[in-house]
Amino acid sequence: MVLMTYVFTRRFLPKYGDRTVDQMVQAARSGKQNIVEGSADGVTSIESELKLLNVARGSIQELREDYEDYLLSRRLTVWTAKHPRFDMMLRYCREHNQLTRKVNALIQENVLLRKRIGELGG
């Protein structure tokens, strides 16, 4: 997630004068770190794990909104799973993109995060 965000910001956002770059990289890093710390802390404290996983969820949501803002500010379409070309795009990415594993890991992290928060009553 962090590497993918770093590559995106370097490729598509200005190098200087745009605070969005720092915010996106920090949100990606924070999401990942809080998942790791929350999982480790869950061994001794469910309350601590829940708090950290909720922080991670917030960071990942912030990052997602930054990506959506990028698309919307350029009048680009946000493709949801219901978009007619979504499955074709996903299949193409899986076959041709070296970052696909990282994207799939990000999606899986988000799914597991939501499931774990649900299990903990959040």
PDB file of N, CA and C in Angstrom:
ATOM      1  N   MET A   1       0.824  -1.174   0.000  1.00  0.00           N
ATOM      2  CA  MET A   1       0.000   0.000   0.000  1.00  0.00           C
ATOM      3  C   MET A   1       0.877   1.250   0.000  1.00  0.00           C
ATOM      4  N   VAL A   2       1.889   1.272   0.829  1.00  0.00           N
ATOM      5  CA  VAL A   2       2.753   2.440   0.911  1.00  0.00           C
ATOM      6  C   VAL A   2       3.529   2.619  -0.390  1.00  0.00           C
ATOM      7  N   LEU A   3       4.114   1.544  -0.900  1.00  0.00           N
ATOM      8  CA  LEU A   3       4.881   1.631  -2.138  1.00  0.00           C
ATOM      9  C   LEU A   3       4.002   2.065  -3.307  1.00  0.00           C
ATOM     10  N   MET A   4       2.809   1.483  -3.407  1.00  0.00           N
ATOM     11  CA  MET A   4       1.894   1.826  -4.490  1.00  0.00           C
ATOM     12  C   MET A   4       1.535   3.313  -4.418  1.00  0.00           C
ATOM     13  N   THR A   5       1.269   3.824  -3.222  1.00  0.00           N
ATOM     14  CA  THR A   5       0.927   5.238  -3.058  1.00  0.00           C
ATOM     15  C   THR A   5       2.114   6.115  -3.408  1.00  0.00           C
ATOM     16  N   TYR A   6       3.295   5.726  -2.981  1.00  0.00           N
ATOM     17  CA  TYR A   6       4.500   6.490  -3.294  1.00  0.00           C
ATOM     18  C   TYR A   6       4.697   6.589  -4.808  1.00  0.00           C
ATOM     19  N   VAL A   7       4.567   5.467  -5.497  1.00  0.00           N
ATOM     20  CA  VAL A   7       4.723   5.452  -6.958  1.00  0.00           C
ATOM     21  C   VAL A   7       3.666   6.341  -7.611  1.00  0.00           C
ATOM     22  N   PHE A   8       2.428   6.239  -7.149  1.00  0.00           N
ATOM     23  CA  PHE A   8       1.342   7.059  -7.704  1.00  0.00           C
ATOM     24  C   PHE A   8       1.638   8.551  -7.525  1.00  0.00           C
ATOM     25  N   THR A   9       2.013   8.950  -6.305  1.00  0.00           N
ATOM     26  CA  THR A   9       2.234  10.377  -6.061  1.00  0.00           C
ATOM     27  C   THR A   9       3.412  10.910  -6.870  1.00  0.00           C
ATOM     28  N   ARG A  10       4.446  10.115  -7.029  1.00  0.00           N
ATOM     29  CA  ARG A  10       5.607  10.558  -7.819  1.00  0.00           C
ATOM     30  C   ARG A  10       5.270  10.674  -9.302  1.00  0.00           C
ATOM     31  N   ARG A  11       4.390   9.807  -9.757  1.00  0.00           N
ATOM     32  CA  ARG A  11       4.070   9.805 -11.184  1.00  0.00           C
ATOM     33  C   ARG A  11       3.015  10.847 -11.566  1.00  0.00           C
ATOM     34  N   PHE A  12       2.013  11.059 -10.708  1.00  0.00           N
ATOM     35  CA  PHE A  12       0.867  11.862 -11.111  1.00  0.00           C
ATOM     36  C   PHE A  12       0.683  13.178 -10.373  1.00  0.00           C
ATOM     37  N   LEU A  13       1.393  13.393  -9.281  1.00  0.00           N
ATOM     38  CA  LEU A  13       1.221  14.633  -8.529  1.00  0.00           C
ATOM     39  C   LEU A  13       2.494  15.461  -8.592  1.00  0.00           C
ATOM     40  N   PRO A  14       2.364  16.788  -8.419  1.00  0.00           N
ATOM     41  CA  PRO A  14       3.556  17.647  -8.477  1.00  0.00           C
ATOM     42  C   PRO A  14       4.548  17.308  -7.372  1.00  0.00           C
ATOM     43  N   LYS A  15       5.834  17.460  -7.692  1.00  0.00           N
ATOM     44  CA  LYS A  15       6.872  17.117  -6.712  1.00  0.00           C
ATOM     45  C   LYS A  15       6.917  18.115  -5.561  1.00  0.00           C
ATOM     46  N   TYR A  16       6.593  19.380  -5.839  1.00  0.00           N
ATOM     47  CA  TYR A  16       6.697  20.416  -4.818  1.00  0.00           C
ATOM     48  C   TYR A  16       5.411  21.217  -4.744  1.00  0.00           C
ATOM     49  N   GLY A  17       5.121  21.721  -3.551  1.00  0.00           N
ATOM     50  CA  GLY A  17       4.015  22.637  -3.379  1.00  0.00           C
ATOM     51  C   GLY A  17       2.647  21.991  -3.243  1.00  0.00           C
ATOM     52  N   ASP A  18       2.577  20.682  -3.128  1.00  0.00           N
ATOM     53  CA  ASP A  18       1.281  20.018  -2.982  1.00  0.00           C
ATOM     54  C   ASP A  18       1.331  19.141  -1.733  1.00  0.00           C
ATOM     55  N   ARG A  19       0.653  19.573  -0.709  1.00  0.00           N
ATOM     56  CA  ARG A  19       0.628  18.855   0.561  1.00  0.00           C
ATOM     57  C   ARG A  19      -0.048  17.482   0.431  1.00  0.00           C
ATOM     58  N   THR A  20      -0.824  17.295  -0.633  1.00  0.00           N
ATOM     59  CA  THR A  20      -1.525  16.028  -0.843  1.00  0.00           C
ATOM     60  C   THR A  20      -0.556  14.855  -0.900  1.00  0.00           C
ATOM     61  N   VAL A  21       0.601  15.054  -1.507  1.00  0.00           N
ATOM     62  CA  VAL A  21       1.584  13.984  -1.630  1.00  0.00           C
ATOM     63  C   VAL A  21       1.959  13.468  -0.238  1.00  0.00           C
ATOM     64  N   ASP A  22       2.346  14.375   0.646  1.00  0.00           N
ATOM     65  CA  ASP A  22       2.726  13.976   1.997  1.00  0.00           C
ATOM     66  C   ASP A  22       1.567  13.319   2.735  1.00  0.00           C
ATOM     67  N   GLN A  23       0.369  13.878   2.567  1.00  0.00           N
ATOM     68  CA  GLN A  23      -0.802  13.333   3.255  1.00  0.00           C
ATOM     69  C   GLN A  23      -1.116  11.917   2.789  1.00  0.00           C
ATOM     70  N   MET A  24      -1.013  11.674   1.487  1.00  0.00           N
ATOM     71  CA  MET A  24      -1.320  10.350   0.956  1.00  0.00           C
ATOM     72  C   MET A  24      -0.307   9.316   1.441  1.00  0.00           C
ATOM     73  N   VAL A  25       0.963   9.657   1.361  1.00  0.00           N
ATOM     74  CA  VAL A  25       2.005   8.721   1.801  1.00  0.00           C
ATOM     75  C   VAL A  25       1.858   8.455   3.300  1.00  0.00           C
ATOM     76  N   GLN A  26       1.584   9.499   4.077  1.00  0.00           N
ATOM     77  CA  GLN A  26       1.426   9.325   5.518  1.00  0.00           C
ATOM     78  C   GLN A  26       0.196   8.481   5.849  1.00  0.00           C
ATOM     79  N   ALA A  27      -0.920   8.690   5.137  1.00  0.00           N
ATOM     80  CA  ALA A  27      -2.133   7.901   5.383  1.00  0.00           C
ATOM     81  C   ALA A  27      -1.877   6.427   5.068  1.00  0.00           C
ATOM     82  N   ALA A  28      -1.166   6.156   3.966  1.00  0.00           N
ATOM     83  CA  ALA A  28      -0.851   4.772   3.601  1.00  0.00           C
ATOM     84  C   ALA A  28       0.029   4.127   4.664  1.00  0.00           C
ATOM     85  N   ARG A  29       1.043   4.853   5.096  1.00  0.00           N
ATOM     86  CA  ARG A  29       1.955   4.336   6.109  1.00  0.00           C
ATOM     87  C   ARG A  29       1.222   4.112   7.427  1.00  0.00           C
ATOM     88  N   SER A  30       0.410   5.071   7.823  1.00  0.00           N
ATOM     89  CA  SER A  30      -0.333   4.972   9.075  1.00  0.00           C
ATOM     90  C   SER A  30      -1.285   3.777   9.060  1.00  0.00           C
ATOM     91  N   GLY A  31      -1.989   3.587   7.941  1.00  0.00           N
ATOM     92  CA  GLY A  31      -2.899   2.449   7.834  1.00  0.00           C
ATOM     93  C   GLY A  31      -2.178   1.137   8.028  1.00  0.00           C
ATOM     94  N   LYS A  32      -1.067   0.987   7.328  1.00  0.00           N
ATOM     95  CA  LYS A  32      -0.287  -0.255   7.425  1.00  0.00           C
ATOM     96  C   LYS A  32       0.262  -0.456   8.839  1.00  0.00           C
ATOM     97  N   GLN A  33       0.857   0.575   9.391  1.00  0.00           N
ATOM     98  CA  GLN A  33       1.474   0.453  10.712  1.00  0.00           C
ATOM     99  C   GLN A  33       0.448   0.156  11.802  1.00  0.00           C
ATOM    100  N   ASN A  34      -0.715   0.776  11.717  1.00  0.00           N
ATOM    101  CA  ASN A  34      -1.732   0.535  12.744  1.00  0.00           C
ATOM    102  C   ASN A  34      -2.321  -0.865  12.651  1.00  0.00           C
ATOM    103  N   ILE A  35      -2.385  -1.417  11.456  1.00  0.00           N
ATOM    104  CA  ILE A  35      -2.821  -2.813  11.311  1.00  0.00           C
ATOM    105  C   ILE A  35      -1.796  -3.733  11.966  1.00  0.00           C
ATOM    106  N   VAL A  36      -0.530  -3.491  11.679  1.00  0.00           N
ATOM    107  CA  VAL A  36       0.531  -4.318  12.255  1.00  0.00           C
ATOM    108  C   VAL A  36       0.541  -4.196  13.776  1.00  0.00           C
ATOM    109  N   GLU A  37       0.513  -2.963  14.281  1.00  0.00           N
ATOM    110  CA  GLU A  37       0.548  -2.756  15.730  1.00  0.00           C
ATOM    111  C   GLU A  37      -0.713  -3.297  16.397  1.00  0.00           C
ATOM    112  N   GLY A  38      -1.869  -3.082  15.767  1.00  0.00           N
ATOM    113  CA  GLY A  38      -3.122  -3.572  16.332  1.00  0.00           C
ATOM    114  C   GLY A  38      -3.142  -5.079  16.436  1.00  0.00           C
ATOM    115  N   SER A  39      -2.660  -5.732  15.401  1.00  0.00           N
ATOM    116  CA  SER A  39      -2.621  -7.202  15.425  1.00  0.00           C
ATOM    117  C   SER A  39      -1.683  -7.707  16.514  1.00  0.00           C
ATOM    118  N   ALA A  40      -0.540  -7.049  16.662  1.00  0.00           N
ATOM    119  CA  ALA A  40       0.411  -7.458  17.702  1.00  0.00           C
ATOM    120  C   ALA A  40      -0.150  -7.185  19.093  1.00  0.00           C
ATOM    121  N   ASP A  41      -0.786  -6.020  19.270  1.00  0.00           N
ATOM    122  CA  ASP A  41      -1.339  -5.668  20.581  1.00  0.00           C
ATOM    123  C   ASP A  41      -2.549  -6.521  20.943  1.00  0.00           C
ATOM    124  N   GLY A  42      -3.218  -7.080  19.938  1.00  0.00           N
ATOM    125  CA  GLY A  42      -4.399  -7.891  20.187  1.00  0.00           C
ATOM    126  C   GLY A  42      -4.124  -9.125  21.006  1.00  0.00           C
ATOM    127  N   VAL A  43      -2.873  -9.515  21.052  1.00  0.00           N
ATOM    128  CA  VAL A  43      -2.496 -10.686  21.849  1.00  0.00           C
ATOM    129  C   VAL A  43      -2.729 -10.404  23.334  1.00  0.00           C
ATOM    130  N   THR A  44      -2.510  -9.156  23.738  1.00  0.00           N
ATOM    131  CA  THR A  44      -2.640  -8.819  25.161  1.00  0.00           C
ATOM    132  C   THR A  44      -3.837  -7.925  25.475  1.00  0.00           C
ATOM    133  N   SER A  45      -4.318  -7.146  24.485  1.00  0.00           N
ATOM    134  CA  SER A  45      -5.403  -6.207  24.777  1.00  0.00           C
ATOM    135  C   SER A  45      -6.326  -6.043  23.574  1.00  0.00           C
ATOM    136  N   ILE A  46      -7.532  -6.565  23.699  1.00  0.00           N
ATOM    137  CA  ILE A  46      -8.512  -6.432  22.619  1.00  0.00           C
ATOM    138  C   ILE A  46      -8.894  -4.962  22.436  1.00  0.00           C
ATOM    139  N   GLU A  47      -8.976  -4.222  23.531  1.00  0.00           N
ATOM    140  CA  GLU A  47      -9.332  -2.803  23.457  1.00  0.00           C
ATOM    141  C   GLU A  47      -8.293  -2.024  22.652  1.00  0.00           C
ATOM    142  N   SER A  48      -7.034  -2.279  22.905  1.00  0.00           N
ATOM    143  CA  SER A  48      -5.954  -1.616  22.170  1.00  0.00           C
ATOM    144  C   SER A  48      -5.990  -2.001  20.694  1.00  0.00           C
ATOM    145  N   GLU A  49      -6.220  -3.288  20.432  1.00  0.00           N
ATOM    146  CA  GLU A  49      -6.296  -3.755  19.052  1.00  0.00           C
ATOM    147  C   GLU A  49      -7.432  -3.053  18.317  1.00  0.00           C
ATOM    148  N   LEU A  50      -8.580  -2.970  18.954  1.00  0.00           N
ATOM    149  CA  LEU A  50      -9.741  -2.329  18.334  1.00  0.00           C
ATOM    150  C   LEU A  50      -9.466  -0.865  18.021  1.00  0.00           C
ATOM    151  N   LYS A  51      -8.856  -0.158  18.946  1.00  0.00           N
ATOM    152  CA  LYS A  51      -8.542   1.259  18.722  1.00  0.00           C
ATOM    153  C   LYS A  51      -7.585   1.431  17.538  1.00  0.00           C
ATOM    154  N   LEU A  52      -6.536   0.621  17.505  1.00  0.00           N
ATOM    155  CA  LEU A  52      -5.557   0.744  16.421  1.00  0.00           C
ATOM    156  C   LEU A  52      -6.143   0.340  15.070  1.00  0.00           C
ATOM    157  N   LEU A  53      -6.983  -0.688  15.048  1.00  0.00           N
ATOM    158  CA  LEU A  53      -7.609  -1.088  13.791  1.00  0.00           C
ATOM    159  C   LEU A  53      -8.597  -0.031  13.301  1.00  0.00           C
ATOM    160  N   ASN A  54      -9.262   0.656  14.216  1.00  0.00           N
ATOM    161  CA  ASN A  54     -10.140   1.752  13.811  1.00  0.00           C
ATOM    162  C   ASN A  54      -9.338   2.934  13.266  1.00  0.00           C
ATOM    163  N   VAL A  55      -8.183   3.205  13.846  1.00  0.00           N
ATOM    164  CA  VAL A  55      -7.302   4.252  13.310  1.00  0.00           C
ATOM    165  C   VAL A  55      -6.848   3.862  11.907  1.00  0.00           C
ATOM    166  N   ALA A  56      -6.501   2.585  11.728  1.00  0.00           N
ATOM    167  CA  ALA A  56      -6.082   2.093  10.407  1.00  0.00           C
ATOM    168  C   ALA A  56      -7.209   2.262   9.399  1.00  0.00           C
ATOM    169  N   ARG A  57      -8.415   1.916   9.801  1.00  0.00           N
ATOM    170  CA  ARG A  57      -9.555   2.059   8.898  1.00  0.00           C
ATOM    171  C   ARG A  57      -9.719   3.521   8.482  1.00  0.00           C
ATOM    172  N   GLY A  58      -9.591   4.427   9.436  1.00  0.00           N
ATOM    173  CA  GLY A  58      -9.689   5.854   9.125  1.00  0.00           C
ATOM    174  C   GLY A  58      -8.606   6.310   8.157  1.00  0.00           C
ATOM    175  N   SER A  59      -7.379   5.844   8.348  1.00  0.00           N
ATOM    176  CA  SER A  59      -6.269   6.212   7.467  1.00  0.00           C
ATOM    177  C   SER A  59      -6.490   5.688   6.052  1.00  0.00           C
ATOM    178  N   ILE A  60      -6.946   4.451   5.948  1.00  0.00           N
ATOM    179  CA  ILE A  60      -7.188   3.859   4.631  1.00  0.00           C
ATOM    180  C   ILE A  60      -8.346   4.570   3.937  1.00  0.00           C
ATOM    181  N   GLN A  61      -9.366   4.949   4.680  1.00  0.00           N
ATOM    182  CA  GLN A  61     -10.479   5.693   4.096  1.00  0.00           C
ATOM    183  C   GLN A  61     -10.014   7.069   3.615  1.00  0.00           C
ATOM    184  N   GLU A  62      -9.171   7.722   4.398  1.00  0.00           N
ATOM    185  CA  GLU A  62      -8.615   9.019   3.998  1.00  0.00           C
ATOM    186  C   GLU A  62      -7.827   8.880   2.687  1.00  0.00           C
ATOM    187  N   LEU A  63      -7.035   7.840   2.588  1.00  0.00           N
ATOM    188  CA  LEU A  63      -6.259   7.593   1.377  1.00  0.00           C
ATOM    189  C   LEU A  63      -7.170   7.336   0.188  1.00  0.00           C
ATOM    190  N   ARG A  64      -8.186   6.535   0.393  1.00  0.00           N
ATOM    191  CA  ARG A  64      -9.142   6.253  -0.681  1.00  0.00           C
ATOM    192  C   ARG A  64      -9.798   7.546  -1.174  1.00  0.00           C
ATOM    193  N   GLU A  65     -10.171   8.405  -0.254  1.00  0.00           N
ATOM    194  CA  GLU A  65     -10.788   9.674  -0.636  1.00  0.00           C
ATOM    195  C   GLU A  65      -9.818  10.565  -1.404  1.00  0.00           C
ATOM    196  N   ASP A  66      -8.539  10.523  -1.044  1.00  0.00           N
ATOM    197  CA  ASP A  66      -7.545  11.287  -1.809  1.00  0.00           C
ATOM    198  C   ASP A  66      -7.449  10.776  -3.248  1.00  0.00           C
ATOM    199  N   TYR A  67      -7.463   9.456  -3.421  1.00  0.00           N
ATOM    200  CA  TYR A  67      -7.455   8.892  -4.775  1.00  0.00           C
ATOM    201  C   TYR A  67      -8.713   9.311  -5.537  1.00  0.00           C
ATOM    202  N   GLU A  68      -9.862   9.251  -4.882  1.00  0.00           N
ATOM    203  CA  GLU A  68     -11.103   9.655  -5.540  1.00  0.00           C
ATOM    204  C   GLU A  68     -11.085  11.145  -5.882  1.00  0.00           C
ATOM    205  N   ASP A  69     -10.557  11.980  -4.977  1.00  0.00           N
ATOM    206  CA  ASP A  69     -10.440  13.414  -5.257  1.00  0.00           C
ATOM    207  C   ASP A  69      -9.579  13.660  -6.493  1.00  0.00           C
ATOM    208  N   TYR A  70      -8.504  12.900  -6.612  1.00  0.00           N
ATOM    209  CA  TYR A  70      -7.641  13.023  -7.789  1.00  0.00           C
ATOM    210  C   TYR A  70      -8.449  12.764  -9.059  1.00  0.00           C
ATOM    211  N   LEU A  71      -9.209  11.686  -9.061  1.00  0.00           N
ATOM    212  CA  LEU A  71     -10.008  11.343 -10.244  1.00  0.00           C
ATOM    213  C   LEU A  71     -11.077  12.389 -10.522  1.00  0.00           C
ATOM    214  N   LEU A  72     -11.806  12.772  -9.498  1.00  0.00           N
ATOM    215  CA  LEU A  72     -12.909  13.721  -9.683  1.00  0.00           C
ATOM    216  C   LEU A  72     -12.414  15.105 -10.105  1.00  0.00           C
ATOM    217  N   SER A  73     -11.286  15.550  -9.550  1.00  0.00           N
ATOM    218  CA  SER A  73     -10.768  16.875  -9.905  1.00  0.00           C
ATOM    219  C   SER A  73     -10.306  16.935 -11.355  1.00  0.00           C
ATOM    220  N   ARG A  74     -10.065  15.793 -11.947  1.00  0.00           N
ATOM    221  CA  ARG A  74      -9.663  15.725 -13.354  1.00  0.00           C
ATOM    222  C   ARG A  74     -10.804  15.223 -14.237  1.00  0.00           C
ATOM    223  N   ARG A  75     -11.990  15.185 -13.649  1.00  0.00           N
ATOM    224  CA  ARG A  75     -13.203  14.731 -14.333  1.00  0.00           C
ATOM    225  C   ARG A  75     -13.045  13.323 -14.921  1.00  0.00           C
ATOM    226  N   LEU A  76     -12.358  12.472 -14.165  1.00  0.00           N
ATOM    227  CA  LEU A  76     -12.195  11.079 -14.549  1.00  0.00           C
ATOM    228  C   LEU A  76     -13.233  10.244 -13.818  1.00  0.00           C
ATOM    229  N   THR A  77     -13.622   9.142 -14.389  1.00  0.00           N
ATOM    230  CA  THR A  77     -14.647   8.290 -13.810  1.00  0.00           C
ATOM    231  C   THR A  77     -14.074   7.432 -12.693  1.00  0.00           C
ATOM    232  N   VAL A  78     -14.788   7.377 -11.587  1.00  0.00           N
ATOM    233  CA  VAL A  78     -14.438   6.471 -10.502  1.00  0.00           C
ATOM    234  C   VAL A  78     -15.131   5.151 -10.809  1.00  0.00           C
ATOM    235  N   TRP A  79     -14.344   4.140 -11.079  1.00  0.00           N
ATOM    236  CA  TRP A  79     -14.905   2.837 -11.431  1.00  0.00           C
ATOM    237  C   TRP A  79     -15.168   2.029 -10.174  1.00  0.00           C
ATOM    238  N   THR A  80     -16.426   1.788  -9.909  1.00  0.00           N
ATOM    239  CA  THR A  80     -16.801   0.898  -8.813  1.00  0.00           C
ATOM    240  C   THR A  80     -16.968  -0.503  -9.392  1.00  0.00           C
ATOM    241  N   ALA A  81     -17.239  -1.452  -8.539  1.00  0.00           N
ATOM    242  CA  ALA A  81     -17.428  -2.834  -8.998  1.00  0.00           C
ATOM    243  C   ALA A  81     -18.625  -2.957  -9.939  1.00  0.00           C
ATOM    244  N   LYS A  82     -19.539  -1.997  -9.911  1.00  0.00           N
ATOM    245  CA  LYS A  82     -20.716  -2.030 -10.781  1.00  0.00           C
ATOM    246  C   LYS A  82     -20.455  -1.434 -12.162  1.00  0.00           C
ATOM    247  N   HIS A  83     -19.310  -0.788 -12.341  1.00  0.00           N
ATOM    248  CA  HIS A  83     -18.990  -0.193 -13.640  1.00  0.00           C
ATOM    249  C   HIS A  83     -18.856  -1.303 -14.677  1.00  0.00           C
ATOM    250  N   PRO A  84     -19.429  -1.115 -15.887  1.00  0.00           N
ATOM    251  CA  PRO A  84     -19.405  -2.187 -16.891  1.00  0.00           C
ATOM    252  C   PRO A  84     -17.994  -2.644 -17.293  1.00  0.00           C
ATOM    253  N   ARG A  85     -17.000  -1.788 -17.122  1.00  0.00           N
ATOM    254  CA  ARG A  85     -15.640  -2.166 -17.523  1.00  0.00           C
ATOM    255  C   ARG A  85     -14.767  -2.598 -16.348  1.00  0.00           C
ATOM    256  N   PHE A  86     -15.330  -2.620 -15.150  1.00  0.00           N
ATOM    257  CA  PHE A  86     -14.554  -2.910 -13.954  1.00  0.00           C
ATOM    258  C   PHE A  86     -13.902  -4.290 -13.998  1.00  0.00           C
ATOM    259  N   ASP A  87     -14.688  -5.327 -14.294  1.00  0.00           N
ATOM    260  CA  ASP A  87     -14.141  -6.691 -14.313  1.00  0.00           C
ATOM    261  C   ASP A  87     -13.061  -6.850 -15.370  1.00  0.00           C
ATOM    262  N   MET A  88     -13.279  -6.242 -16.537  1.00  0.00           N
ATOM    263  CA  MET A  88     -12.286  -6.324 -17.607  1.00  0.00           C
ATOM    264  C   MET A  88     -10.994  -5.618 -17.181  1.00  0.00           C
ATOM    265  N   MET A  89     -11.126  -4.457 -16.529  1.00  0.00           N
ATOM    266  CA  MET A  89      -9.955  -3.719 -16.059  1.00  0.00           C
ATOM    267  C   MET A  89      -9.215  -4.523 -14.989  1.00  0.00           C
ATOM    268  N   LEU A  90      -9.952  -5.118 -14.081  1.00  0.00           N
ATOM    269  CA  LEU A  90      -9.342  -5.916 -13.023  1.00  0.00           C
ATOM    270  C   LEU A  90      -8.580  -7.109 -13.600  1.00  0.00           C
ATOM    271  N   ARG A  91      -9.184  -7.775 -14.551  1.00  0.00           N
ATOM    272  CA  ARG A  91      -8.537  -8.922 -15.210  1.00  0.00           C
ATOM    273  C   ARG A  91      -7.254  -8.477 -15.920  1.00  0.00           C
ATOM    274  N   TYR A  92      -7.322  -7.348 -16.627  1.00  0.00           N
ATOM    275  CA  TYR A  92      -6.145  -6.829 -17.326  1.00  0.00           C
ATOM    276  C   TYR A  92      -5.026  -6.527 -16.325  1.00  0.00           C
ATOM    277  N   CYS A  93      -5.380  -5.875 -15.233  1.00  0.00           N
ATOM    278  CA  CYS A  93      -4.375  -5.533 -14.221  1.00  0.00           C
ATOM    279  C   CYS A  93      -3.721  -6.774 -13.638  1.00  0.00           C
ATOM    280  N   ARG A  94      -4.520  -7.778 -13.371  1.00  0.00           N
ATOM    281  CA  ARG A  94      -3.965  -9.016 -12.811  1.00  0.00           C
ATOM    282  C   ARG A  94      -2.970  -9.662 -13.767  1.00  0.00           C
ATOM    283  N   GLU A  95      -3.233  -9.539 -15.049  1.00  0.00           N
ATOM    284  CA  GLU A  95      -2.373 -10.172 -16.047  1.00  0.00           C
ATOM    285  C   GLU A  95      -1.141  -9.341 -16.395  1.00  0.00           C
ATOM    286  N   HIS A  96      -1.224  -8.008 -16.286  1.00  0.00           N
ATOM    287  CA  HIS A  96      -0.171  -7.149 -16.820  1.00  0.00           C
ATOM    288  C   HIS A  96       0.525  -6.240 -15.819  1.00  0.00           C
ATOM    289  N   ASN A  97       0.018  -6.119 -14.642  1.00  0.00           N
ATOM    290  CA  ASN A  97       0.545  -5.124 -13.729  1.00  0.00           C
ATOM    291  C   ASN A  97       1.329  -5.777 -12.606  1.00  0.00           C
ATOM    292  N   GLN A  98       2.567  -5.368 -12.431  1.00  0.00           N
ATOM    293  CA  GLN A  98       3.390  -5.926 -11.363  1.00  0.00           C
ATOM    294  C   GLN A  98       2.894  -5.509  -9.987  1.00  0.00           C
ATOM    295  N   LEU A  99       2.111  -4.435  -9.914  1.00  0.00           N
ATOM    296  CA  LEU A  99       1.599  -3.973  -8.627  1.00  0.00           C
ATOM    297  C   LEU A  99       0.305  -4.667  -8.226  1.00  0.00           C
ATOM    298  N   THR A 100      -0.204  -5.551  -9.078  1.00  0.00           N
ATOM    299  CA  THR A 100      -1.475  -6.201  -8.798  1.00  0.00           C
ATOM    300  C   THR A 100      -1.468  -6.907  -7.456  1.00  0.00           C
ATOM    301  N   ARG A 101      -0.381  -7.583  -7.142  1.00  0.00           N
ATOM    302  CA  ARG A 101      -0.316  -8.269  -5.850  1.00  0.00           C
ATOM    303  C   ARG A 101      -0.450  -7.291  -4.696  1.00  0.00           C
ATOM    304  N   LYS A 102       0.153  -6.113  -4.852  1.00  0.00           N
ATOM    305  CA  LYS A 102       0.059  -5.109  -3.790  1.00  0.00           C
ATOM    306  C   LYS A 102      -1.357  -4.559  -3.685  1.00  0.00           C
ATOM    307  N   VAL A 103      -2.020  -4.363  -4.827  1.00  0.00           N
ATOM    308  CA  VAL A 103      -3.403  -3.891  -4.820  1.00  0.00           C
ATOM    309  C   VAL A 103      -4.292  -4.939  -4.172  1.00  0.00           C
ATOM    310  N   ASN A 104      -4.123  -6.190  -4.569  1.00  0.00           N
ATOM    311  CA  ASN A 104      -4.920  -7.261  -3.983  1.00  0.00           C
ATOM    312  C   ASN A 104      -4.668  -7.373  -2.479  1.00  0.00           C
ATOM    313  N   ALA A 105      -3.431  -7.178  -2.070  1.00  0.00           N
ATOM    314  CA  ALA A 105      -3.107  -7.217  -0.646  1.00  0.00           C
ATOM    315  C   ALA A 105      -3.811  -6.078   0.084  1.00  0.00           C
ATOM    316  N   LEU A 106      -3.851  -4.896  -0.523  1.00  0.00           N
ATOM    317  CA  LEU A 106      -4.539  -3.754   0.076  1.00  0.00           C
ATOM    318  C   LEU A 106      -6.024  -4.052   0.234  1.00  0.00           C
ATOM    319  N   ILE A 107      -6.630  -4.602  -0.798  1.00  0.00           N
ATOM    320  CA  ILE A 107      -8.050  -4.952  -0.730  1.00  0.00           C
ATOM    321  C   ILE A 107      -8.278  -5.990   0.357  1.00  0.00           C
ATOM    322  N   GLN A 108      -7.417  -7.002   0.392  1.00  0.00           N
ATOM    323  CA  GLN A 108      -7.555  -8.053   1.399  1.00  0.00           C
ATOM    324  C   GLN A 108      -7.352  -7.496   2.807  1.00  0.00           C
ATOM    325  N   GLU A 109      -6.393  -6.583   2.971  1.00  0.00           N
ATOM    326  CA  GLU A 109      -6.172  -5.950   4.271  1.00  0.00           C
ATOM    327  C   GLU A 109      -7.439  -5.250   4.731  1.00  0.00           C
ATOM    328  N   ASN A 110      -8.066  -4.527   3.817  1.00  0.00           N
ATOM    329  CA  ASN A 110      -9.276  -3.785   4.147  1.00  0.00           C
ATOM    330  C   ASN A 110     -10.403  -4.737   4.546  1.00  0.00           C
ATOM    331  N   VAL A 111     -10.558  -5.835   3.801  1.00  0.00           N
ATOM    332  CA  VAL A 111     -11.588  -6.820   4.112  1.00  0.00           C
ATOM    333  C   VAL A 111     -11.326  -7.444   5.484  1.00  0.00           C
ATOM    334  N   LEU A 112     -10.090  -7.847   5.733  1.00  0.00           N
ATOM    335  CA  LEU A 112      -9.749  -8.456   7.017  1.00  0.00           C
ATOM    336  C   LEU A 112      -9.904  -7.465   8.162  1.00  0.00           C
ATOM    337  N   LEU A 113      -9.549  -6.218   7.900  1.00  0.00           N
ATOM    338  CA  LEU A 113      -9.683  -5.177   8.911  1.00  0.00           C
ATOM    339  C   LEU A 113     -11.147  -4.999   9.308  1.00  0.00           C
ATOM    340  N   ARG A 114     -12.031  -4.906   8.310  1.00  0.00           N
ATOM    341  CA  ARG A 114     -13.452  -4.767   8.600  1.00  0.00           C
ATOM    342  C   ARG A 114     -13.995  -5.986   9.352  1.00  0.00           C
ATOM    343  N   LYS A 115     -13.558  -7.163   8.948  1.00  0.00           N
ATOM    344  CA  LYS A 115     -14.012  -8.391   9.602  1.00  0.00           C
ATOM    345  C   LYS A 115     -13.548  -8.415  11.064  1.00  0.00           C
ATOM    346  N   ARG A 116     -12.287  -8.067  11.284  1.00  0.00           N
ATOM    347  CA  ARG A 116     -11.736  -8.098  12.646  1.00  0.00           C
ATOM    348  C   ARG A 116     -12.426  -7.073  13.541  1.00  0.00           C
ATOM    349  N   ILE A 117     -12.671  -5.883  13.015  1.00  0.00           N
ATOM    350  CA  ILE A 117     -13.363  -4.857  13.794  1.00  0.00           C
ATOM    351  C   ILE A 117     -14.769  -5.336  14.135  1.00  0.00           C
ATOM    352  N   GLY A 118     -15.436  -5.993  13.180  1.00  0.00           N
ATOM    353  CA  GLY A 118     -16.764  -6.564  13.437  1.00  0.00           C
ATOM    354  C   GLY A 118     -16.720  -7.605  14.532  1.00  0.00           C
ATOM    355  N   GLU A 119     -15.686  -8.459  14.514  1.00  0.00           N
ATOM    356  CA  GLU A 119     -15.551  -9.499  15.532  1.00  0.00           C
ATOM    357  C   GLU A 119     -15.339  -8.898  16.913  1.00  0.00           C
ATOM    358  N   LEU A 120     -14.677  -7.749  16.949  1.00  0.00           N
ATOM    359  CA  LEU A 120     -14.372  -7.115  18.235  1.00  0.00           C
ATOM    360  C   LEU A 120     -15.493  -6.205  18.715  1.00  0.00           C
ATOM    361  N   GLY A 121     -16.566  -6.137  17.899  1.00  0.00           N
ATOM    362  CA  GLY A 121     -17.731  -5.353  18.326  1.00  0.00           C
ATOM    363  C   GLY A 121     -17.663  -3.898  17.952  1.00  0.00           C
ATOM    364  N   GLY A 122     -16.851  -3.550  16.949  1.00  0.00           N
ATOM    365  CA  GLY A 122     -16.702  -2.141  16.572  1.00  0.00           C
ATOM    366  C   GLY A 122     -17.573  -1.694  15.524  1.00  0.00           C
TER     367      GLY A 122
END
